[in-house]
Amino acid sequence: MKKYMMFAISFIVLFLLFQVLSGLFLTLLYTPDIQEAWNSSASLSQETVIKSSRSPFLLTFILAFLSATIAYFIPKKMTKNSTH
Protein backbone atom coordinates (compact mmCIF):
# COMPACT_ATOMS: atom_id res chain seq x y z
CA MET A 1 0.00 0.00 0.00
CA LYS A 2 2.95 2.32 0.65
CA LYS A 3 4.12 1.89 -2.96
CA TYR A 4 0.66 2.74 -4.24
CA MET A 5 0.43 5.89 -2.11
CA MET A 6 3.84 7.01 -3.35
CA PHE A 7 2.78 6.29 -6.94
CA ALA A 8 -0.52 8.16 -6.49
CA ILE A 9 1.09 11.23 -4.92
CA SER A 10 3.84 11.41 -7.54
CA PHE A 11 1.27 10.94 -10.31
CA ILE A 12 -0.89 13.79 -8.98
CA VAL A 13 2.09 16.12 -8.65
CA LEU A 14 3.40 15.31 -12.13
CA PHE A 15 -0.05 15.58 -13.70
CA LEU A 16 -0.64 19.00 -12.17
CA LEU A 17 2.85 20.14 -13.15
CA PHE A 18 2.34 19.08 -16.77
CA GLN A 19 -1.08 20.75 -16.88
CA VAL A 20 0.35 24.04 -15.65
CA LEU A 21 3.37 23.88 -17.96
CA SER A 22 1.24 23.06 -21.01
CA GLY A 23 -1.07 25.97 -20.14
CA LEU A 24 1.88 28.33 -19.87
CA PHE A 25 3.34 27.05 -23.13
CA LEU A 26 0.05 27.43 -25.01
CA THR A 27 -0.45 30.92 -23.58
CA LEU A 28 3.02 31.97 -24.71
CA LEU A 29 2.38 30.74 -28.26
CA TYR A 30 -1.11 32.26 -28.60
CA THR A 31 -1.38 35.39 -30.69
CA PRO A 32 -4.90 36.84 -30.88
CA ASP A 33 -6.26 38.27 -34.10
CA ILE A 34 -7.91 41.44 -32.80
CA GLN A 35 -9.15 42.65 -36.19
CA GLU A 36 -10.93 39.35 -36.90
CA ALA A 37 -12.44 39.29 -33.40
CA TRP A 38 -13.74 42.82 -33.84
CA ASN A 39 -15.24 42.01 -37.26
CA SER A 40 -16.96 38.84 -36.03
CA SER A 41 -18.35 40.47 -32.87
CA ALA A 42 -21.15 42.16 -34.81
CA SER A 43 -22.69 38.81 -35.75
CA LEU A 44 -22.59 37.31 -32.25
CA SER A 45 -25.72 36.53 -30.30
CA GLN A 46 -26.70 38.85 -27.46
CA GLU A 47 -27.72 35.91 -25.24
CA THR A 48 -25.39 34.16 -22.83
CA VAL A 49 -25.67 30.39 -22.50
CA ILE A 50 -24.02 28.59 -19.61
CA LYS A 51 -23.36 24.98 -20.53
CA SER A 52 -21.96 23.54 -17.35
CA SER A 53 -20.83 24.67 -13.95
CA ARG A 54 -18.29 21.86 -13.61
CA SER A 55 -14.74 22.23 -14.74
CA PRO A 56 -13.57 19.88 -17.53
CA PHE A 57 -10.22 19.74 -15.72
CA LEU A 58 -11.83 17.85 -12.83
CA LEU A 59 -13.22 15.20 -15.15
CA THR A 60 -9.88 14.88 -16.93
CA PHE A 61 -8.07 14.59 -13.62
CA ILE A 62 -10.45 11.92 -12.30
CA LEU A 63 -10.20 9.84 -15.47
CA ALA A 64 -6.41 10.13 -15.56
CA PHE A 65 -6.13 9.15 -11.89
CA LEU A 66 -8.50 6.22 -12.40
CA SER A 67 -6.54 4.98 -15.41
CA ALA A 68 -3.25 5.32 -13.52
CA THR A 69 -4.72 3.36 -10.62
CA ILE A 70 -5.89 0.59 -12.92
CA ALA A 71 -2.53 0.60 -14.69
CA TYR A 72 -0.77 0.23 -11.35
CA PHE A 73 -2.75 -2.86 -10.33
CA ILE A 74 -2.83 -4.70 -13.69
CA PRO A 75 0.77 -6.00 -13.54
CA LYS A 76 0.23 -7.23 -9.98
CA LYS A 77 -2.91 -9.09 -11.05
CA MET A 78 -1.15 -10.59 -14.07
CA THR A 79 1.82 -11.85 -12.02
CA LYS A 80 -0.48 -13.42 -9.43
CA ASN A 81 -2.42 -15.27 -12.14
CA SER A 82 0.70 -16.49 -13.95
CA THR A 83 2.33 -17.95 -10.83
CA HIS A 84 -0.66 -20.18 -9.96
PDB file of N, CA and C in Angstrom:
ATOM      1  N   MET A   1       0.817  -1.189   0.000  1.00  0.00           N
ATOM      2  CA  MET A   1       0.000   0.000   0.000  1.00  0.00           C
ATOM      3  C   MET A   1       0.872   1.267   0.000  1.00  0.00           C
ATOM      4  N   LYS A   2       2.045   1.175   0.609  1.00  0.00           N
ATOM      5  CA  LYS A   2       2.946   2.320   0.646  1.00  0.00           C
ATOM      6  C   LYS A   2       3.423   2.665  -0.763  1.00  0.00           C
ATOM      7  N   LYS A   3       3.686   1.637  -1.574  1.00  0.00           N
ATOM      8  CA  LYS A   3       4.117   1.895  -2.956  1.00  0.00           C
ATOM      9  C   LYS A   3       3.015   2.578  -3.745  1.00  0.00           C
ATOM     10  N   TYR A   4       1.774   2.143  -3.522  1.00  0.00           N
ATOM     11  CA  TYR A   4       0.655   2.744  -4.237  1.00  0.00           C
ATOM     12  C   TYR A   4       0.479   4.206  -3.840  1.00  0.00           C
ATOM     13  N   MET A   5       0.578   4.507  -2.559  1.00  0.00           N
ATOM     14  CA  MET A   5       0.431   5.893  -2.110  1.00  0.00           C
ATOM     15  C   MET A   5       1.526   6.772  -2.710  1.00  0.00           C
ATOM     16  N   MET A   6       2.742   6.255  -2.751  1.00  0.00           N
ATOM     17  CA  MET A   6       3.842   7.005  -3.351  1.00  0.00           C
ATOM     18  C   MET A   6       3.588   7.210  -4.845  1.00  0.00           C
ATOM     19  N   PHE A   7       3.110   6.188  -5.518  1.00  0.00           N
ATOM     20  CA  PHE A   7       2.776   6.288  -6.935  1.00  0.00           C
ATOM     21  C   PHE A   7       1.663   7.320  -7.148  1.00  0.00           C
ATOM     22  N   ALA A   8       0.621   7.259  -6.334  1.00  0.00           N
ATOM     23  CA  ALA A   8      -0.517   8.164  -6.495  1.00  0.00           C
ATOM     24  C   ALA A   8      -0.106   9.607  -6.260  1.00  0.00           C
ATOM     25  N   ILE A   9       0.655   9.858  -5.216  1.00  0.00           N
ATOM     26  CA  ILE A   9       1.086  11.226  -4.924  1.00  0.00           C
ATOM     27  C   ILE A   9       1.993  11.762  -6.022  1.00  0.00           C
ATOM     28  N   SER A  10       2.938  10.946  -6.468  1.00  0.00           N
ATOM     29  CA  SER A  10       3.835  11.413  -7.536  1.00  0.00           C
ATOM     30  C   SER A  10       3.071  11.619  -8.840  1.00  0.00           C
ATOM     31  N   PHE A  11       2.080  10.775  -9.110  1.00  0.00           N
ATOM     32  CA  PHE A  11       1.270  10.941 -10.306  1.00  0.00           C
ATOM     33  C   PHE A  11       0.499  12.254 -10.257  1.00  0.00           C
ATOM     34  N   ILE A  12      -0.116  12.552  -9.119  1.00  0.00           N
ATOM     35  CA  ILE A  12      -0.887  13.789  -8.982  1.00  0.00           C
ATOM     36  C   ILE A  12       0.013  15.005  -9.164  1.00  0.00           C
ATOM     37  N   VAL A  13       1.168  14.982  -8.541  1.00  0.00           N
ATOM     38  CA  VAL A  13       2.093  16.119  -8.647  1.00  0.00           C
ATOM     39  C   VAL A  13       2.563  16.295 -10.095  1.00  0.00           C
ATOM     40  N   LEU A  14       2.947  15.209 -10.742  1.00  0.00           N
ATOM     41  CA  LEU A  14       3.403  15.306 -12.135  1.00  0.00           C
ATOM     42  C   LEU A  14       2.283  15.739 -13.064  1.00  0.00           C
ATOM     43  N   PHE A  15       1.085  15.212 -12.854  1.00  0.00           N
ATOM     44  CA  PHE A  15      -0.051  15.576 -13.700  1.00  0.00           C
ATOM     45  C   PHE A  15      -0.346  17.068 -13.582  1.00  0.00           C
ATOM     46  N   LEU A  16      -0.377  17.579 -12.361  1.00  0.00           N
ATOM     47  CA  LEU A  16      -0.636  19.000 -12.167  1.00  0.00           C
ATOM     48  C   LEU A  16       0.490  19.849 -12.757  1.00  0.00           C
ATOM     49  N   LEU A  17       1.715  19.417 -12.593  1.00  0.00           N
ATOM     50  CA  LEU A  17       2.850  20.143 -13.150  1.00  0.00           C
ATOM     51  C   LEU A  17       2.764  20.210 -14.672  1.00  0.00           C
ATOM     52  N   PHE A  18       2.456  19.089 -15.316  1.00  0.00           N
ATOM     53  CA  PHE A  18       2.341  19.077 -16.774  1.00  0.00           C
ATOM     54  C   PHE A  18       1.158  19.919 -17.246  1.00  0.00           C
ATOM     55  N   GLN A  19       0.059  19.924 -16.504  1.00  0.00           N
ATOM     56  CA  GLN A  19      -1.081  20.754 -16.879  1.00  0.00           C
ATOM     57  C   GLN A  19      -0.711  22.233 -16.836  1.00  0.00           C
ATOM     58  N   VAL A  20      -0.036  22.644 -15.782  1.00  0.00           N
ATOM     59  CA  VAL A  20       0.354  24.043 -15.646  1.00  0.00           C
ATOM     60  C   VAL A  20       1.366  24.425 -16.730  1.00  0.00           C
ATOM     61  N   LEU A  21       2.357  23.571 -16.945  1.00  0.00           N
ATOM     62  CA  LEU A  21       3.372  23.882 -17.955  1.00  0.00           C
ATOM     63  C   LEU A  21       2.782  23.925 -19.361  1.00  0.00           C
ATOM     64  N   SER A  22       1.857  23.017 -19.675  1.00  0.00           N
ATOM     65  CA  SER A  22       1.245  23.060 -21.005  1.00  0.00           C
ATOM     66  C   SER A  22       0.384  24.304 -21.160  1.00  0.00           C
ATOM     67  N   GLY A  23      -0.295  24.734 -20.091  1.00  0.00           N
ATOM     68  CA  GLY A  23      -1.073  25.966 -20.144  1.00  0.00           C
ATOM     69  C   GLY A  23      -0.193  27.181 -20.372  1.00  0.00           C
ATOM     70  N   LEU A  24       0.935  27.216 -19.676  1.00  0.00           N
ATOM     71  CA  LEU A  24       1.875  28.331 -19.869  1.00  0.00           C
ATOM     72  C   LEU A  24       2.433  28.337 -21.279  1.00  0.00           C
ATOM     73  N   PHE A  25       2.794  27.172 -21.790  1.00  0.00           N
ATOM     74  CA  PHE A  25       3.345  27.055 -23.133  1.00  0.00           C
ATOM     75  C   PHE A  25       2.324  27.499 -24.184  1.00  0.00           C
ATOM     76  N   LEU A  26       1.077  27.040 -24.044  1.00  0.00           N
ATOM     77  CA  LEU A  26       0.047  27.428 -25.007  1.00  0.00           C
ATOM     78  C   LEU A  26      -0.261  28.922 -24.929  1.00  0.00           C
ATOM     79  N   THR A  27      -0.217  29.483 -23.739  1.00  0.00           N
ATOM     80  CA  THR A  27      -0.448  30.919 -23.579  1.00  0.00           C
ATOM     81  C   THR A  27       0.673  31.724 -24.231  1.00  0.00           C
ATOM     82  N   LEU A  28       1.905  31.262 -24.093  1.00  0.00           N
ATOM     83  CA  LEU A  28       3.023  31.966 -24.712  1.00  0.00           C
ATOM     84  C   LEU A  28       2.935  31.952 -26.235  1.00  0.00           C
ATOM     85  N   LEU A  29       2.437  30.861 -26.806  1.00  0.00           N
ATOM     86  CA  LEU A  29       2.379  30.739 -28.260  1.00  0.00           C
ATOM     87  C   LEU A  29       1.135  31.370 -28.882  1.00  0.00           C
ATOM     88  N   TYR A  30       0.148  31.725 -28.071  1.00  0.00           N
ATOM     89  CA  TYR A  30      -1.107  32.257 -28.597  1.00  0.00           C
ATOM     90  C   TYR A  30      -0.949  33.711 -29.011  1.00  0.00           C
ATOM     91  N   THR A  31      -1.351  34.005 -30.233  1.00  0.00           N
ATOM     92  CA  THR A  31      -1.382  35.390 -30.693  1.00  0.00           C
ATOM     93  C   THR A  31      -2.798  35.682 -31.184  1.00  0.00           C
ATOM     94  N   PRO A  32      -3.510  36.554 -30.495  1.00  0.00           N
ATOM     95  CA  PRO A  32      -4.896  36.842 -30.875  1.00  0.00           C
ATOM     96  C   PRO A  32      -4.964  37.692 -32.144  1.00  0.00           C
ATOM     97  N   ASP A  33      -6.006  37.466 -32.905  1.00  0.00           N
ATOM     98  CA  ASP A  33      -6.263  38.269 -34.100  1.00  0.00           C
ATOM     99  C   ASP A  33      -7.359  39.269 -33.740  1.00  0.00           C
ATOM    100  N   ILE A  34      -6.964  40.452 -33.312  1.00  0.00           N
ATOM    101  CA  ILE A  34      -7.907  41.440 -32.796  1.00  0.00           C
ATOM    102  C   ILE A  34      -8.838  41.942 -33.894  1.00  0.00           C
ATOM    103  N   GLN A  35      -8.321  42.142 -35.083  1.00  0.00           N
ATOM    104  CA  GLN A  35      -9.146  42.649 -36.191  1.00  0.00           C
ATOM    105  C   GLN A  35     -10.247  41.645 -36.520  1.00  0.00           C
ATOM    106  N   GLU A  36      -9.927  40.379 -36.593  1.00  0.00           N
ATOM    107  CA  GLU A  36     -10.927  39.352 -36.898  1.00  0.00           C
ATOM    108  C   GLU A  36     -11.957  39.243 -35.786  1.00  0.00           C
ATOM    109  N   ALA A  37     -11.515  39.345 -34.533  1.00  0.00           N
ATOM    110  CA  ALA A  37     -12.441  39.291 -33.397  1.00  0.00           C
ATOM    111  C   ALA A  37     -13.405  40.472 -33.434  1.00  0.00           C
ATOM    112  N   TRP A  38     -12.898  41.632 -33.771  1.00  0.00           N
ATOM    113  CA  TRP A  38     -13.743  42.819 -33.845  1.00  0.00           C
ATOM    114  C   TRP A  38     -14.757  42.683 -34.978  1.00  0.00           C
ATOM    115  N   ASN A  39     -14.331  42.173 -36.120  1.00  0.00           N
ATOM    116  CA  ASN A  39     -15.240  42.012 -37.259  1.00  0.00           C
ATOM    117  C   ASN A  39     -16.321  40.972 -36.981  1.00  0.00           C
ATOM    118  N   SER A  40     -15.971  39.900 -36.286  1.00  0.00           N
ATOM    119  CA  SER A  40     -16.960  38.845 -36.034  1.00  0.00           C
ATOM    120  C   SER A  40     -17.855  39.149 -34.838  1.00  0.00           C
ATOM    121  N   SER A  41     -17.536  40.169 -34.055  1.00  0.00           N
ATOM    122  CA  SER A  41     -18.345  40.468 -32.872  1.00  0.00           C
ATOM    123  C   SER A  41     -19.714  41.023 -33.226  1.00  0.00           C
ATOM    124  N   ALA A  42     -19.858  41.601 -34.402  1.00  0.00           N
ATOM    125  CA  ALA A  42     -21.151  42.155 -34.806  1.00  0.00           C
ATOM    126  C   ALA A  42     -22.180  41.056 -35.043  1.00  0.00           C
ATOM    127  N   SER A  43     -21.744  39.884 -35.434  1.00  0.00           N
ATOM    128  CA  SER A  43     -22.689  38.806 -35.748  1.00  0.00           C
ATOM    129  C   SER A  43     -22.939  37.863 -34.577  1.00  0.00           C
ATOM    130  N   LEU A  44     -22.395  38.176 -33.404  1.00  0.00           N
ATOM    131  CA  LEU A  44     -22.587  37.314 -32.248  1.00  0.00           C
ATOM    132  C   LEU A  44     -23.956  37.514 -31.623  1.00  0.00           C
ATOM    133  N   SER A  45     -24.440  36.465 -30.986  1.00  0.00           N
ATOM    134  CA  SER A  45     -25.720  36.531 -30.297  1.00  0.00           C
ATOM    135  C   SER A  45     -25.594  37.381 -29.042  1.00  0.00           C
ATOM    136  N   GLN A  46     -26.695  38.014 -28.658  1.00  0.00           N
ATOM    137  CA  GLN A  46     -26.702  38.848 -27.461  1.00  0.00           C
ATOM    138  C   GLN A  46     -27.061  38.049 -26.206  1.00  0.00           C
ATOM    139  N   GLU A  47     -27.364  36.765 -26.366  1.00  0.00           N
ATOM    140  CA  GLU A  47     -27.717  35.906 -25.237  1.00  0.00           C
ATOM    141  C   GLU A  47     -26.495  35.151 -24.744  1.00  0.00           C
ATOM    142  N   THR A  48     -26.468  34.926 -23.435  1.00  0.00           N
ATOM    143  CA  THR A  48     -25.392  34.156 -22.830  1.00  0.00           C
ATOM    144  C   THR A  48     -25.935  32.803 -22.417  1.00  0.00           C
ATOM    145  N   VAL A  49     -25.243  31.745 -22.836  1.00  0.00           N
ATOM    146  CA  VAL A  49     -25.668  30.394 -22.505  1.00  0.00           C
ATOM    147  C   VAL A  49     -24.575  29.755 -21.662  1.00  0.00           C
ATOM    148  N   ILE A  50     -24.962  29.275 -20.487  1.00  0.00           N
ATOM    149  CA  ILE A  50     -24.020  28.594 -19.613  1.00  0.00           C
ATOM    150  C   ILE A  50     -24.240  27.098 -19.782  1.00  0.00           C
ATOM    151  N   LYS A  51     -23.219  26.400 -20.241  1.00  0.00           N
ATOM    152  CA  LYS A  51     -23.360  24.979 -20.530  1.00  0.00           C
ATOM    153  C   LYS A  51     -23.226  24.123 -19.289  1.00  0.00           C
ATOM    154  N   SER A  52     -22.223  24.384 -18.498  1.00  0.00           N
ATOM    155  CA  SER A  52     -21.958  23.542 -17.350  1.00  0.00           C
ATOM    156  C   SER A  52     -21.251  24.344 -16.275  1.00  0.00           C
ATOM    157  N   SER A  53     -21.511  23.983 -15.033  1.00  0.00           N
ATOM    158  CA  SER A  53     -20.835  24.667 -13.948  1.00  0.00           C
ATOM    159  C   SER A  53     -19.604  23.897 -13.496  1.00  0.00           C
ATOM    160  N   ARG A  54     -19.451  22.669 -13.985  1.00  0.00           N
ATOM    161  CA  ARG A  54     -18.287  21.857 -13.613  1.00  0.00           C
ATOM    162  C   ARG A  54     -17.122  22.164 -14.527  1.00  0.00           C
ATOM    163  N   SER A  55     -15.958  22.001 -13.969  1.00  0.00           N
ATOM    164  CA  SER A  55     -14.739  22.234 -14.735  1.00  0.00           C
ATOM    165  C   SER A  55     -14.368  20.971 -15.511  1.00  0.00           C
ATOM    166  N   PRO A  56     -14.003  21.071 -16.801  1.00  0.00           N
ATOM    167  CA  PRO A  56     -13.566  19.884 -17.531  1.00  0.00           C
ATOM    168  C   PRO A  56     -12.244  19.350 -16.989  1.00  0.00           C
ATOM    169  N   PHE A  57     -11.476  20.191 -16.293  1.00  0.00           N
ATOM    170  CA  PHE A  57     -10.219  19.742 -15.716  1.00  0.00           C
ATOM    171  C   PHE A  57     -10.471  18.664 -14.669  1.00  0.00           C
ATOM    172  N   LEU A  58     -11.528  18.820 -13.874  1.00  0.00           N
ATOM    173  CA  LEU A  58     -11.830  17.847 -12.827  1.00  0.00           C
ATOM    174  C   LEU A  58     -12.138  16.487 -13.432  1.00  0.00           C
ATOM    175  N   LEU A  59     -12.919  16.459 -14.484  1.00  0.00           N
ATOM    176  CA  LEU A  59     -13.224  15.196 -15.146  1.00  0.00           C
ATOM    177  C   LEU A  59     -11.965  14.578 -15.737  1.00  0.00           C
ATOM    178  N   THR A  60     -11.139  15.373 -16.370  1.00  0.00           N
ATOM    179  CA  THR A  60      -9.881  14.876 -16.927  1.00  0.00           C
ATOM    180  C   THR A  60      -8.989  14.318 -15.836  1.00  0.00           C
ATOM    181  N   PHE A  61      -8.908  15.023 -14.730  1.00  0.00           N
ATOM    182  CA  PHE A  61      -8.073  14.585 -13.620  1.00  0.00           C
ATOM    183  C   PHE A  61      -8.581  13.271 -13.035  1.00  0.00           C
ATOM    184  N   ILE A  62      -9.885  13.148 -12.856  1.00  0.00           N
ATOM    185  CA  ILE A  62     -10.454  11.918 -12.298  1.00  0.00           C
ATOM    186  C   ILE A  62     -10.206  10.742 -13.233  1.00  0.00           C
ATOM    187  N   LEU A  63     -10.418  10.930 -14.519  1.00  0.00           N
ATOM    188  CA  LEU A  63     -10.197   9.844 -15.472  1.00  0.00           C
ATOM    189  C   LEU A  63      -8.724   9.456 -15.552  1.00  0.00           C
ATOM    190  N   ALA A  64      -7.839  10.433 -15.515  1.00  0.00           N
ATOM    191  CA  ALA A  64      -6.408  10.129 -15.556  1.00  0.00           C
ATOM    192  C   ALA A  64      -5.979   9.396 -14.291  1.00  0.00           C
ATOM    193  N   PHE A  65      -6.483   9.809 -13.145  1.00  0.00           N
ATOM    194  CA  PHE A  65      -6.132   9.150 -11.891  1.00  0.00           C
ATOM    195  C   PHE A  65      -6.694   7.733 -11.860  1.00  0.00           C
ATOM    196  N   LEU A  66      -7.913   7.548 -12.348  1.00  0.00           N
ATOM    197  CA  LEU A  66      -8.501   6.216 -12.403  1.00  0.00           C
ATOM    198  C   LEU A  66      -7.705   5.300 -13.331  1.00  0.00           C
ATOM    199  N   SER A  67      -7.317   5.805 -14.483  1.00  0.00           N
ATOM    200  CA  SER A  67      -6.537   4.976 -15.405  1.00  0.00           C
ATOM    201  C   SER A  67      -5.157   4.654 -14.848  1.00  0.00           C
ATOM    202  N   ALA A  68      -4.554   5.599 -14.142  1.00  0.00           N
ATOM    203  CA  ALA A  68      -3.255   5.323 -13.524  1.00  0.00           C
ATOM    204  C   ALA A  68      -3.392   4.279 -12.418  1.00  0.00           C
ATOM    205  N   THR A  69      -4.478   4.346 -11.675  1.00  0.00           N
ATOM    206  CA  THR A  69      -4.718   3.358 -10.619  1.00  0.00           C
ATOM    207  C   THR A  69      -4.899   1.966 -11.211  1.00  0.00           C
ATOM    208  N   ILE A  70      -5.688   1.881 -12.253  1.00  0.00           N
ATOM    209  CA  ILE A  70      -5.892   0.587 -12.917  1.00  0.00           C
ATOM    210  C   ILE A  70      -4.578   0.083 -13.497  1.00  0.00           C
ATOM    211  N   ALA A  71      -3.818   0.988 -14.108  1.00  0.00           N
ATOM    212  CA  ALA A  71      -2.529   0.598 -14.693  1.00  0.00           C
ATOM    213  C   ALA A  71      -1.552   0.125 -13.632  1.00  0.00           C
ATOM    214  N   TYR A  72      -1.665   0.642 -12.431  1.00  0.00           N
ATOM    215  CA  TYR A  72      -0.774   0.226 -11.349  1.00  0.00           C
ATOM    216  C   TYR A  72      -1.082  -1.201 -10.899  1.00  0.00           C
ATOM    217  N   PHE A  73      -2.371  -1.560 -10.849  1.00  0.00           N
ATOM    218  CA  PHE A  73      -2.755  -2.862 -10.325  1.00  0.00           C
ATOM    219  C   PHE A  73      -2.772  -3.986 -11.372  1.00  0.00           C
ATOM    220  N   ILE A  74      -2.798  -3.658 -12.647  1.00  0.00           N
ATOM    221  CA  ILE A  74      -2.832  -4.701 -13.694  1.00  0.00           C
ATOM    222  C   ILE A  74      -1.604  -5.603 -13.647  1.00  0.00           C
ATOM    223  N   PRO A  75      -0.381  -5.087 -13.585  1.00  0.00           N
ATOM    224  CA  PRO A  75       0.768  -6.004 -13.538  1.00  0.00           C
ATOM    225  C   PRO A  75       0.758  -6.905 -12.296  1.00  0.00           C
ATOM    226  N   LYS A  76       0.301  -6.403 -11.177  1.00  0.00           N
ATOM    227  CA  LYS A  76       0.228  -7.230  -9.979  1.00  0.00           C
ATOM    228  C   LYS A  76      -0.766  -8.364 -10.167  1.00  0.00           C
ATOM    229  N   LYS A  77      -1.882  -8.076 -10.796  1.00  0.00           N
ATOM    230  CA  LYS A  77      -2.915  -9.093 -11.052  1.00  0.00           C
ATOM    231  C   LYS A  77      -2.393 -10.122 -12.039  1.00  0.00           C
ATOM    232  N   MET A  78      -1.667  -9.673 -13.053  1.00  0.00           N
ATOM    233  CA  MET A  78      -1.146 -10.589 -14.072  1.00  0.00           C
ATOM    234  C   MET A  78      -0.084 -11.517 -13.479  1.00  0.00           C
ATOM    235  N   THR A  79       0.771 -11.005 -12.605  1.00  0.00           N
ATOM    236  CA  THR A  79       1.818 -11.849 -12.024  1.00  0.00           C
ATOM    237  C   THR A  79       1.229 -12.840 -11.036  1.00  0.00           C
ATOM    238  N   LYS A  80       0.173 -12.481 -10.333  1.00  0.00           N
ATOM    239  CA  LYS A  80      -0.477 -13.423  -9.425  1.00  0.00           C
ATOM    240  C   LYS A  80      -1.115 -14.570 -10.212  1.00  0.00           C
ATOM    241  N   ASN A  81      -1.746 -14.248 -11.332  1.00  0.00           N
ATOM    242  CA  ASN A  81      -2.421 -15.268 -12.137  1.00  0.00           C
ATOM    243  C   ASN A  81      -1.405 -16.188 -12.832  1.00  0.00           C
ATOM    244  N   SER A  82      -0.265 -15.672 -13.217  1.00  0.00           N
ATOM    245  CA  SER A  82       0.699 -16.486 -13.953  1.00  0.00           C
ATOM    246  C   SER A  82       1.485 -17.419 -13.038  1.00  0.00           C
ATOM    247  N   THR A  83       1.566 -17.091 -11.739  1.00  0.00           N
ATOM    248  CA  THR A  83       2.329 -17.950 -10.832  1.00  0.00           C
ATOM    249  C   THR A  83       1.511 -19.127 -10.339  1.00  0.00           C
ATOM    250  N   HIS A  84       0.180 -19.083 -10.431  1.00  0.00           N
ATOM    251  CA  HIS A  84      -0.655 -20.176  -9.961  1.00  0.00           C
ATOM    252  C   HIS A  84      -0.924 -21.182 -11.018  1.00  0.00           C
TER     253      HIS A  84
END
